[in-house]
Protein backbone atom coordinates (compact mmCIF):
# COMPACT_ATOMS: atom_id res chain seq x y z
CA MET A 1 83.54 110.88 84.79
CA ARG A 2 83.08 114.36 86.29
CA SER A 3 79.44 113.67 87.10
CA LEU A 4 80.42 110.44 88.86
CA GLN A 5 83.00 112.28 90.97
CA ALA A 6 80.43 114.97 91.80
CA PHE A 7 77.95 112.29 92.84
CA VAL A 8 80.46 110.56 95.15
CA ILE A 9 81.39 113.92 96.72
CA LEU A 10 77.68 114.67 97.28
CA VAL A 11 77.09 111.31 98.98
CA LEU A 12 80.13 111.75 101.23
CA THR A 13 79.02 115.28 102.08
CA LEU A 14 75.65 113.94 103.19
CA LEU A 15 77.18 111.09 105.23
CA VAL A 16 79.85 113.13 107.08
CA PRO A 17 77.36 115.05 109.30
CA SER A 18 75.78 111.76 110.36
CA LEU A 19 79.21 110.48 111.41
CA GLY A 20 79.66 113.50 113.67
CA TRP A 21 76.17 113.03 115.07
CA GLY A 22 77.08 109.44 115.91
CA GLN A 23 80.20 110.60 117.75
CA ALA A 24 78.15 113.00 119.86
CA ALA A 25 76.02 110.17 121.25
CA THR A 26 76.85 109.25 124.83
CA SER A 27 76.55 105.55 124.17
CA GLY A 28 77.69 103.31 121.32
CA GLU A 29 74.18 101.88 121.15
CA MET A 30 71.13 103.74 119.89
CA GLU A 31 68.67 101.21 121.33
CA SER A 32 68.98 97.72 122.66
CA GLY A 33 71.18 95.78 120.28
CA ILE A 34 71.45 98.52 117.62
CA THR A 35 74.87 100.11 117.41
CA ARG A 36 75.69 103.32 115.55
CA PHE A 37 78.30 101.74 113.24
CA GLU A 38 78.71 98.35 111.56
CA ALA A 39 81.43 97.10 109.20
CA GLY A 40 81.58 93.77 107.46
CA GLY A 41 82.92 91.47 104.81
CA ASN A 42 80.92 89.33 102.40
CA TYR A 43 81.25 86.66 99.74
CA ASN A 44 79.61 87.70 96.43
CA TRP A 45 78.41 85.65 93.46
CA ILE A 46 77.41 87.73 90.43
CA HIS A 47 75.51 86.40 87.42
CA ALA A 48 76.35 88.66 84.44
CA ASN A 49 74.44 89.00 81.16
CA ALA A 50 77.18 89.73 78.66
CA PRO A 51 77.76 89.97 75.78
CA PRO A 52 74.89 92.44 75.25
CA GLY A 53 71.82 91.24 73.41
CA GLN A 54 72.64 87.59 74.05
CA CYS A 55 73.10 85.48 77.07
CA GLY A 56 76.62 84.34 76.95
CA CYS A 57 75.91 84.54 80.68
CA PHE A 58 78.74 83.87 83.08
CA SER A 59 79.43 84.13 86.78
CA LEU A 60 81.92 86.17 88.75
CA ASN A 61 83.08 85.44 92.29
CA GLY A 62 84.46 87.90 94.78
CA GLY A 63 83.93 89.79 97.97
CA SER A 64 82.62 93.03 99.30
CA GLY A 65 83.15 95.34 102.22
CA VAL A 66 80.17 97.12 103.71
CA PHE A 67 80.00 100.00 106.18
CA LEU A 68 76.71 101.03 107.82
CA VAL A 69 75.81 104.09 109.86
CA ASN A 70 72.55 103.39 111.72
CA LEU A 71 70.72 106.71 111.72
CA THR A 72 67.44 105.56 113.31
CA HIS A 73 65.86 102.30 114.46
CA ALA A 74 64.96 101.51 110.82
CA TRP A 75 67.21 103.60 108.54
CA ALA A 76 70.94 103.34 107.84
CA GLY A 77 73.41 104.90 105.42
CA VAL A 78 75.38 102.25 103.51
CA ALA A 79 78.68 102.16 101.64
CA ASP A 80 79.32 98.94 99.68
CA ILE A 81 82.54 98.21 97.77
CA THR A 82 82.36 95.00 95.67
CA TYR A 83 85.18 93.23 93.83
CA ALA A 84 84.46 90.26 91.52
CA HIS A 85 86.50 88.37 88.92
CA ALA A 86 85.95 85.74 86.22
CA ASN A 87 88.58 83.87 84.17
CA ASN A 88 88.12 82.36 80.70
CA VAL A 89 84.68 83.87 80.11
CA ASP A 90 82.57 81.74 77.74
CA GLY A 91 85.51 79.43 77.06
CA THR A 92 87.73 82.26 75.79
CA SER A 93 90.92 83.65 77.28
CA GLN A 94 89.01 86.78 78.30
CA ASN A 95 89.23 87.75 81.99
CA ILE A 96 86.90 90.30 83.59
CA THR A 97 87.30 92.14 86.87
CA ILE A 98 84.52 94.38 88.21
CA LEU A 99 84.71 96.90 91.05
CA ASN A 100 81.46 98.52 92.20
CA TYR A 101 81.51 101.38 94.71
CA LEU A 102 77.96 102.18 95.77
CA PHE A 103 76.38 104.37 98.47
CA GLY A 104 72.80 104.76 99.63
CA ALA A 105 70.14 103.90 102.19
CA ARG A 106 68.94 100.73 103.90
CA TYR A 107 65.57 100.18 105.57
CA SER A 108 65.50 97.39 108.18
CA ARG A 109 62.29 95.90 109.54
CA ARG A 110 63.31 95.09 113.10
CA ASN A 111 60.79 92.81 114.82
CA HIS A 112 60.46 90.48 117.79
CA THR A 113 62.25 87.58 116.04
CA ARG A 114 65.99 87.01 115.58
CA PHE A 115 65.66 87.70 111.85
CA THR A 116 65.84 91.24 110.45
CA PRO A 117 64.76 91.66 106.82
CA TYR A 118 66.02 94.75 105.01
CA ALA A 119 65.87 96.51 101.64
CA GLU A 120 68.39 98.93 100.19
CA VAL A 121 69.01 101.17 97.19
CA LEU A 122 72.57 102.22 96.34
CA PHE A 123 74.07 104.50 93.68
CA GLY A 124 77.63 105.19 92.63
CA GLY A 125 80.11 103.83 90.15
CA ALA A 126 81.40 100.70 88.48
CA LYS A 127 84.85 99.97 87.10
CA GLU A 128 85.64 97.13 84.72
CA ASP A 129 88.99 95.73 83.62
CA VAL A 130 88.92 93.39 80.62
CA ASN A 131 91.80 91.78 78.73
CA PHE A 132 90.89 91.48 75.08
CA ASN A 133 93.83 91.86 72.70
CA PHE A 134 94.68 94.79 74.96
CA THR A 135 93.52 95.82 78.42
CA ILE A 136 90.36 97.91 78.67
CA ASN A 137 89.81 99.87 81.87
CA ARG A 138 86.45 101.68 82.13
CA ASN A 139 84.49 103.61 84.76
CA ALA A 140 80.73 104.23 84.63
CA PHE A 141 77.54 104.80 86.60
CA GLY A 142 76.18 101.94 88.70
CA LEU A 143 73.17 101.27 90.89
CA SER A 144 71.89 98.43 93.00
CA GLY A 145 68.57 97.53 94.60
CA GLY A 146 67.67 94.54 96.66
CA GLY A 147 67.42 93.15 100.12
CA GLY A 148 68.23 90.38 102.49
CA VAL A 149 67.94 88.93 105.98
CA THR A 150 70.37 89.18 108.90
CA MET A 151 70.47 87.57 112.31
CA PRO A 152 72.62 88.34 115.37
CA LEU A 153 75.49 86.10 116.40
CA GLY A 154 76.20 87.14 119.97
CA GLN A 155 76.58 90.75 121.08
CA ARG A 156 78.96 92.02 118.40
CA PHE A 157 78.29 90.18 115.13
CA ASN A 158 75.48 89.92 112.60
CA TYR A 159 75.28 87.18 109.99
CA THR A 160 73.83 88.07 106.58
CA ILE A 161 72.02 84.86 105.75
CA VAL A 162 71.35 85.97 102.19
CA GLN A 163 71.10 89.19 100.22
CA VAL A 164 69.91 89.30 96.61
CA ASP A 165 70.43 92.43 94.48
CA TYR A 166 69.74 93.67 91.00
CA VAL A 167 72.89 95.50 89.84
CA HIS A 168 72.77 97.83 86.82
CA THR A 169 75.91 99.38 85.33
CA ARG A 170 76.48 101.66 82.32
CA ILE A 171 79.94 100.39 81.34
CA PRO A 172 80.65 100.99 77.62
CA ASN A 173 80.36 97.71 75.71
CA GLY A 174 80.11 98.74 72.05
CA VAL A 175 76.40 97.83 71.77
CA ASN A 176 74.06 99.33 74.37
CA ASN A 177 76.35 100.34 77.28
CA SER A 178 74.06 98.57 79.74
CA GLN A 179 74.57 95.58 82.02
CA ASN A 180 71.86 94.01 84.20
CA ASN A 181 73.29 91.56 86.70
CA THR A 182 72.14 89.58 89.73
CA ARG A 183 74.26 89.50 92.89
CA VAL A 184 73.89 87.03 95.78
CA VAL A 185 75.69 87.88 99.02
CA THR A 186 76.41 86.23 102.38
CA GLY A 187 78.74 87.38 105.14
CA PHE A 188 79.28 88.92 108.56
CA THR A 189 79.21 92.41 110.07
CA TYR A 190 80.84 93.64 113.26
CA LYS A 191 78.83 96.04 115.44
CA PHE A 192 80.97 98.82 116.99
């Protein structure tokens, strides 16, 4: 848990100077159509591979909030907080809630079309609440890698058509303490 807290503090320490740099800019836009800050909300569908060693696979539904700091034409710092929940997993009375809080970098390939593909890698933590015979509340390391495509909707909004991520977490599970999930995302961002 201490190493996770140290990691989050390190990421925030690296992002804070870029926030100040963004405030020093004379204009809210770096280049045509690219603003310094973006914030958004998404719908998330997660395909989970638990229990470990088998595929009693199940799906979770939820949402995420994302905050971007565009540092250059192509690179951005990203914070992504995801919440997802599933009831009656595998026909049982087990409920699972997952909260991922991940931070990292995004590379966007801006081109002459309306569509902007991007790839990102994020690191941070994952928290899981499970109700077996008693409630289990665990925190662990998490990472995500993937990409998607956005398109502008007017001057102030972007639409994430689709984003697909591999999400790995190290939540204790009594077998191998490893989860490998797929996340599919769609949503909107507001450009400040």
